[in-house]
């Protein structure tokens, strides 16, 4: 399993040379949110599609 630092370096290394700090920060943010979402799903803290649809109707 790769460390957080290794994961960050892997993500950053895939960006183009023209990437700026905002691009880097966005990519790391997305990686963090996906990781946290997967961990929440493993813990059973996710909702099913029907519940999501009901929730979205209130927006």
PDB file of N, CA and C in Angstrom:
ATOM      1  N   UNK A   1       0.857  -1.188   0.000  1.00  0.00           N
ATOM      2  CA  UNK A   1       0.000   0.000   0.000  1.00  0.00           C
ATOM      3  C   UNK A   1       0.896   1.242   0.000  1.00  0.00           C
ATOM      4  N   UNK A   2       0.566   2.172  -0.893  1.00  0.00           N
ATOM      5  CA  UNK A   2       1.425   3.345  -0.981  1.00  0.00           C
ATOM      6  C   UNK A   2       1.089   4.353   0.117  1.00  0.00           C
ATOM      7  N   UNK A   3       2.109   5.058   0.549  1.00  0.00           N
ATOM      8  CA  UNK A   3       1.922   6.071   1.581  1.00  0.00           C
ATOM      9  C   UNK A   3       1.244   7.298   0.975  1.00  0.00           C
ATOM     10  N   UNK A   4       0.780   8.168   1.822  1.00  0.00           N
ATOM     11  CA  UNK A   4       0.146   9.398   1.366  1.00  0.00           C
ATOM     12  C   UNK A   4       1.116  10.209   0.502  1.00  0.00           C
ATOM     13  N   UNK A   5       2.346  10.292   0.931  1.00  0.00           N
ATOM     14  CA  UNK A   5       3.359  11.039   0.184  1.00  0.00           C
ATOM     15  C   UNK A   5       3.577  10.407  -1.191  1.00  0.00           C
ATOM     16  N   UNK A   6       3.668   9.088  -1.247  1.00  0.00           N
ATOM     17  CA  UNK A   6       3.861   8.398  -2.524  1.00  0.00           C
ATOM     18  C   UNK A   6       2.673   8.644  -3.455  1.00  0.00           C
ATOM     19  N   UNK A   7       1.478   8.592  -2.889  1.00  0.00           N
ATOM     20  CA  UNK A   7       0.280   8.832  -3.683  1.00  0.00           C
ATOM     21  C   UNK A   7       0.275  10.253  -4.235  1.00  0.00           C
ATOM     22  N   UNK A   8       0.624  11.226  -3.401  1.00  0.00           N
ATOM     23  CA  UNK A   8       0.672  12.624  -3.835  1.00  0.00           C
ATOM     24  C   UNK A   8       1.702  12.802  -4.951  1.00  0.00           C
ATOM     25  N   UNK A   9       2.863  12.218  -4.792  1.00  0.00           N
ATOM     26  CA  UNK A   9       3.894  12.326  -5.821  1.00  0.00           C
ATOM     27  C   UNK A   9       3.458  11.674  -7.124  1.00  0.00           C
ATOM     28  N   UNK A  10       2.763  10.537  -7.032  1.00  0.00           N
ATOM     29  CA  UNK A  10       2.275   9.849  -8.222  1.00  0.00           C
ATOM     30  C   UNK A  10       1.272  10.730  -8.965  1.00  0.00           C
ATOM     31  N   UNK A  11       0.349  11.325  -8.229  1.00  0.00           N
ATOM     32  CA  UNK A  11      -0.670  12.180  -8.835  1.00  0.00           C
ATOM     33  C   UNK A  11      -0.020  13.407  -9.479  1.00  0.00           C
ATOM     34  N   UNK A  12       0.872  14.034  -8.752  1.00  0.00           N
ATOM     35  CA  UNK A  12       1.531  15.239  -9.261  1.00  0.00           C
ATOM     36  C   UNK A  12       2.368  14.916 -10.495  1.00  0.00           C
ATOM     37  N   UNK A  13       3.030  13.768 -10.489  1.00  0.00           N
ATOM     38  CA  UNK A  13       3.895  13.421 -11.627  1.00  0.00           C
ATOM     39  C   UNK A  13       3.107  13.205 -12.914  1.00  0.00           C
ATOM     40  N   UNK A  14       1.814  12.935 -12.816  1.00  0.00           N
ATOM     41  CA  UNK A  14       0.976  12.734 -14.003  1.00  0.00           C
ATOM     42  C   UNK A  14       0.484  14.051 -14.601  1.00  0.00           C
ATOM     43  N   UNK A  15       0.633  15.135 -13.873  1.00  0.00           N
ATOM     44  CA  UNK A  15       0.184  16.430 -14.373  1.00  0.00           C
ATOM     45  C   UNK A  15       1.167  16.958 -15.419  1.00  0.00           C
ATOM     46  N   UNK A  16       0.687  17.783 -16.329  1.00  0.00           N
ATOM     47  CA  UNK A  16       1.592  18.365 -17.325  1.00  0.00           C
ATOM     48  C   UNK A  16       2.576  19.328 -16.666  1.00  0.00           C
ATOM     49  N   UNK A  17       3.684  19.562 -17.339  1.00  0.00           N
ATOM     50  CA  UNK A  17       4.697  20.479 -16.806  1.00  0.00           C
ATOM     51  C   UNK A  17       4.147  21.888 -16.610  1.00  0.00           C
ATOM     52  N   UNK A  18       3.109  22.220 -17.347  1.00  0.00           N
ATOM     53  CA  UNK A  18       2.513  23.555 -17.253  1.00  0.00           C
ATOM     54  C   UNK A  18       1.551  23.702 -16.075  1.00  0.00           C
ATOM     55  N   UNK A  19       1.358  22.640 -15.297  1.00  0.00           N
ATOM     56  CA  UNK A  19       0.416  22.692 -14.164  1.00  0.00           C
ATOM     57  C   UNK A  19       0.857  23.756 -13.169  1.00  0.00           C
ATOM     58  N   UNK A  20      -0.127  24.469 -12.645  1.00  0.00           N
ATOM     59  CA  UNK A  20       0.182  25.475 -11.626  1.00  0.00           C
ATOM     60  C   UNK A  20      -0.236  24.949 -10.250  1.00  0.00           C
ATOM     61  N   UNK A  21      -0.042  25.747  -9.235  1.00  0.00           N
ATOM     62  CA  UNK A  21      -0.320  25.304  -7.860  1.00  0.00           C
ATOM     63  C   UNK A  21      -1.805  24.980  -7.685  1.00  0.00           C
ATOM     64  N   UNK A  22      -2.678  25.719  -8.358  1.00  0.00           N
ATOM     65  CA  UNK A  22      -4.115  25.432  -8.249  1.00  0.00           C
ATOM     66  C   UNK A  22      -4.443  24.063  -8.847  1.00  0.00           C
ATOM     67  N   UNK A  23      -3.815  23.721  -9.955  1.00  0.00           N
ATOM     68  CA  UNK A  23      -4.023  22.404 -10.571  1.00  0.00           C
ATOM     69  C   UNK A  23      -3.581  21.298  -9.621  1.00  0.00           C
ATOM     70  N   UNK A  24      -2.423  21.484  -9.016  1.00  0.00           N
ATOM     71  CA  UNK A  24      -1.882  20.490  -8.086  1.00  0.00           C
ATOM     72  C   UNK A  24      -2.794  20.334  -6.881  1.00  0.00           C
ATOM     73  N   UNK A  25      -3.200  21.461  -6.306  1.00  0.00           N
ATOM     74  CA  UNK A  25      -4.061  21.415  -5.128  1.00  0.00           C
ATOM     75  C   UNK A  25      -5.399  20.761  -5.447  1.00  0.00           C
ATOM     76  N   UNK A  26      -5.953  21.041  -6.631  1.00  0.00           N
ATOM     77  CA  UNK A  26      -7.230  20.438  -7.022  1.00  0.00           C
ATOM     78  C   UNK A  26      -7.105  18.925  -7.137  1.00  0.00           C
ATOM     79  N   UNK A  27      -6.067  18.457  -7.801  1.00  0.00           N
ATOM     80  CA  UNK A  27      -5.870  17.017  -7.966  1.00  0.00           C
ATOM     81  C   UNK A  27      -5.715  16.322  -6.614  1.00  0.00           C
ATOM     82  N   UNK A  28      -4.956  16.915  -5.718  1.00  0.00           N
ATOM     83  CA  UNK A  28      -4.773  16.323  -4.388  1.00  0.00           C
ATOM     84  C   UNK A  28      -6.083  16.346  -3.602  1.00  0.00           C
ATOM     85  N   UNK A  29      -6.867  17.399  -3.757  1.00  0.00           N
ATOM     86  CA  UNK A  29      -8.173  17.500  -3.110  1.00  0.00           C
ATOM     87  C   UNK A  29      -9.080  16.371  -3.582  1.00  0.00           C
ATOM     88  N   UNK A  30      -9.128  16.143  -4.893  1.00  0.00           N
ATOM     89  CA  UNK A  30      -9.976  15.090  -5.452  1.00  0.00           C
ATOM     90  C   UNK A  30      -9.550  13.726  -4.932  1.00  0.00           C
ATOM     91  N   UNK A  31      -8.241  13.466  -4.921  1.00  0.00           N
ATOM     92  CA  UNK A  31      -7.731  12.187  -4.413  1.00  0.00           C
ATOM     93  C   UNK A  31      -8.164  11.997  -2.964  1.00  0.00           C
ATOM     94  N   UNK A  32      -8.059  13.045  -2.165  1.00  0.00           N
ATOM     95  CA  UNK A  32      -8.436  12.966  -0.753  1.00  0.00           C
ATOM     96  C   UNK A  32      -9.926  12.668  -0.596  1.00  0.00           C
ATOM     97  N   UNK A  33     -10.762  13.351  -1.360  1.00  0.00           N
ATOM     98  CA  UNK A  33     -12.207  13.145  -1.243  1.00  0.00           C
ATOM     99  C   UNK A  33     -12.622  11.751  -1.692  1.00  0.00           C
ATOM    100  N   UNK A  34     -12.005  11.249  -2.754  1.00  0.00           N
ATOM    101  CA  UNK A  34     -12.321   9.896  -3.220  1.00  0.00           C
ATOM    102  C   UNK A  34     -11.909   8.876  -2.166  1.00  0.00           C
ATOM    103  N   UNK A  35     -10.725   9.069  -1.599  1.00  0.00           N
ATOM    104  CA  UNK A  35     -10.233   8.147  -0.564  1.00  0.00           C
ATOM    105  C   UNK A  35     -11.173   8.151   0.643  1.00  0.00           C
ATOM    106  N   UNK A  36     -11.578   9.328   1.083  1.00  0.00           N
ATOM    107  CA  UNK A  36     -12.479   9.427   2.236  1.00  0.00           C
ATOM    108  C   UNK A  36     -13.845   8.824   1.920  1.00  0.00           C
ATOM    109  N   UNK A  37     -14.314   8.998   0.687  1.00  0.00           N
ATOM    110  CA  UNK A  37     -15.587   8.413   0.289  1.00  0.00           C
ATOM    111  C   UNK A  37     -15.547   6.895   0.295  1.00  0.00           C
ATOM    112  N   UNK A  38     -14.453   6.340  -0.206  1.00  0.00           N
ATOM    113  CA  UNK A  38     -14.311   4.881  -0.201  1.00  0.00           C
ATOM    114  C   UNK A  38     -14.250   4.344   1.226  1.00  0.00           C
ATOM    115  N   UNK A  39     -13.525   5.039   2.089  1.00  0.00           N
ATOM    116  CA  UNK A  39     -13.434   4.609   3.488  1.00  0.00           C
ATOM    117  C   UNK A  39     -14.804   4.669   4.153  1.00  0.00           C
ATOM    118  N   UNK A  40     -15.587   5.705   3.866  1.00  0.00           N
ATOM    119  CA  UNK A  40     -16.927   5.831   4.435  1.00  0.00           C
ATOM    120  C   UNK A  40     -17.826   4.697   3.941  1.00  0.00           C
ATOM    121  N   UNK A  41     -17.695   4.336   2.679  1.00  0.00           N
ATOM    122  CA  UNK A  41     -18.497   3.244   2.130  1.00  0.00           C
ATOM    123  C   UNK A  41     -18.158   1.926   2.809  1.00  0.00           C
ATOM    124  N   UNK A  42     -16.891   1.698   3.062  1.00  0.00           N
ATOM    125  CA  UNK A  42     -16.464   0.471   3.748  1.00  0.00           C
ATOM    126  C   UNK A  42     -17.065   0.420   5.150  1.00  0.00           C
ATOM    127  N   UNK A  43     -17.165   1.584   5.793  1.00  0.00           N
ATOM    128  CA  UNK A  43     -17.737   1.646   7.141  1.00  0.00           C
ATOM    129  C   UNK A  43     -19.263   1.605   7.120  1.00  0.00           C
ATOM    130  N   UNK A  44     -19.844   1.558   5.931  1.00  0.00           N
ATOM    131  CA  UNK A  44     -21.296   1.515   5.823  1.00  0.00           C
ATOM    132  C   UNK A  44     -21.952   2.868   5.976  1.00  0.00           C
ATOM    133  N   UNK A  45     -21.222   3.918   5.742  1.00  0.00           N
ATOM    134  CA  UNK A  45     -21.734   5.275   5.919  1.00  0.00           C
ATOM    135  C   UNK A  45     -22.190   5.904   4.602  1.00  0.00           C
ATOM    136  N   UNK A  46     -22.557   5.088   3.654  1.00  0.00           N
ATOM    137  CA  UNK A  46     -23.030   5.613   2.373  1.00  0.00           C
ATOM    138  C   UNK A  46     -24.548   5.462   2.299  1.00  0.00           C
ATOM    139  N   UNK A  47     -25.139   6.105   1.292  1.00  0.00           N
ATOM    140  CA  UNK A  47     -26.580   5.991   1.103  1.00  0.00           C
ATOM    141  C   UNK A  47     -26.848   5.332  -0.244  1.00  0.00           C
ATOM    142  N   UNK A  48     -28.010   4.709  -0.373  1.00  0.00           N
ATOM    143  CA  UNK A  48     -28.322   4.067  -1.646  1.00  0.00           C
ATOM    144  C   UNK A  48     -28.880   5.095  -2.623  1.00  0.00           C
ATOM    145  N   UNK A  49     -29.000   4.695  -3.877  1.00  0.00           N
ATOM    146  CA  UNK A  49     -29.400   5.610  -4.942  1.00  0.00           C
ATOM    147  C   UNK A  49     -30.792   6.195  -4.724  1.00  0.00           C
ATOM    148  N   UNK A  50     -31.712   5.415  -4.193  1.00  0.00           N
ATOM    149  CA  UNK A  50     -33.067   5.929  -3.955  1.00  0.00           C
ATOM    150  C   UNK A  50     -33.065   7.025  -2.900  1.00  0.00           C
ATOM    151  N   UNK A  51     -32.287   6.835  -1.850  1.00  0.00           N
ATOM    152  CA  UNK A  51     -32.188   7.860  -0.806  1.00  0.00           C
ATOM    153  C   UNK A  51     -31.547   9.123  -1.378  1.00  0.00           C
ATOM    154  N   UNK A  52     -30.562   8.952  -2.225  1.00  0.00           N
ATOM    155  CA  UNK A  52     -29.912  10.091  -2.865  1.00  0.00           C
ATOM    156  C   UNK A  52     -30.892  10.861  -3.740  1.00  0.00           C
ATOM    157  N   UNK A  53     -31.715  10.146  -4.500  1.00  0.00           N
ATOM    158  CA  UNK A  53     -32.713  10.801  -5.346  1.00  0.00           C
ATOM    159  C   UNK A  53     -33.690  11.615  -4.510  1.00  0.00           C
ATOM    160  N   UNK A  54     -34.155  11.048  -3.389  1.00  0.00           N
ATOM    161  CA  UNK A  54     -35.071  11.778  -2.501  1.00  0.00           C
ATOM    162  C   UNK A  54     -34.397  13.034  -1.950  1.00  0.00           C
ATOM    163  N   UNK A  55     -33.157  12.897  -1.577  1.00  0.00           N
ATOM    164  CA  UNK A  55     -32.415  14.031  -1.031  1.00  0.00           C
ATOM    165  C   UNK A  55     -32.242  15.125  -2.079  1.00  0.00           C
ATOM    166  N   UNK A  56     -31.965  14.724  -3.302  1.00  0.00           N
ATOM    167  CA  UNK A  56     -31.752  15.695  -4.371  1.00  0.00           C
ATOM    168  C   UNK A  56     -33.029  16.446  -4.735  1.00  0.00           C
ATOM    169  N   UNK A  57     -34.170  15.831  -4.564  1.00  0.00           N
ATOM    170  CA  UNK A  57     -35.432  16.496  -4.860  1.00  0.00           C
ATOM    171  C   UNK A  57     -35.667  17.700  -3.944  1.00  0.00           C
ATOM    172  N   UNK A  58     -35.079  17.682  -2.775  1.00  0.00           N
ATOM    173  CA  UNK A  58     -35.264  18.788  -1.829  1.00  0.00           C
ATOM    174  C   UNK A  58     -34.359  19.981  -2.147  1.00  0.00           C
ATOM    175  N   UNK A  59     -33.448  19.804  -3.096  1.00  0.00           N
ATOM    176  CA  UNK A  59     -32.555  20.909  -3.453  1.00  0.00           C
ATOM    177  C   UNK A  59     -33.315  21.874  -4.243  1.00  0.00           C
TER     178      UNK A  59
END
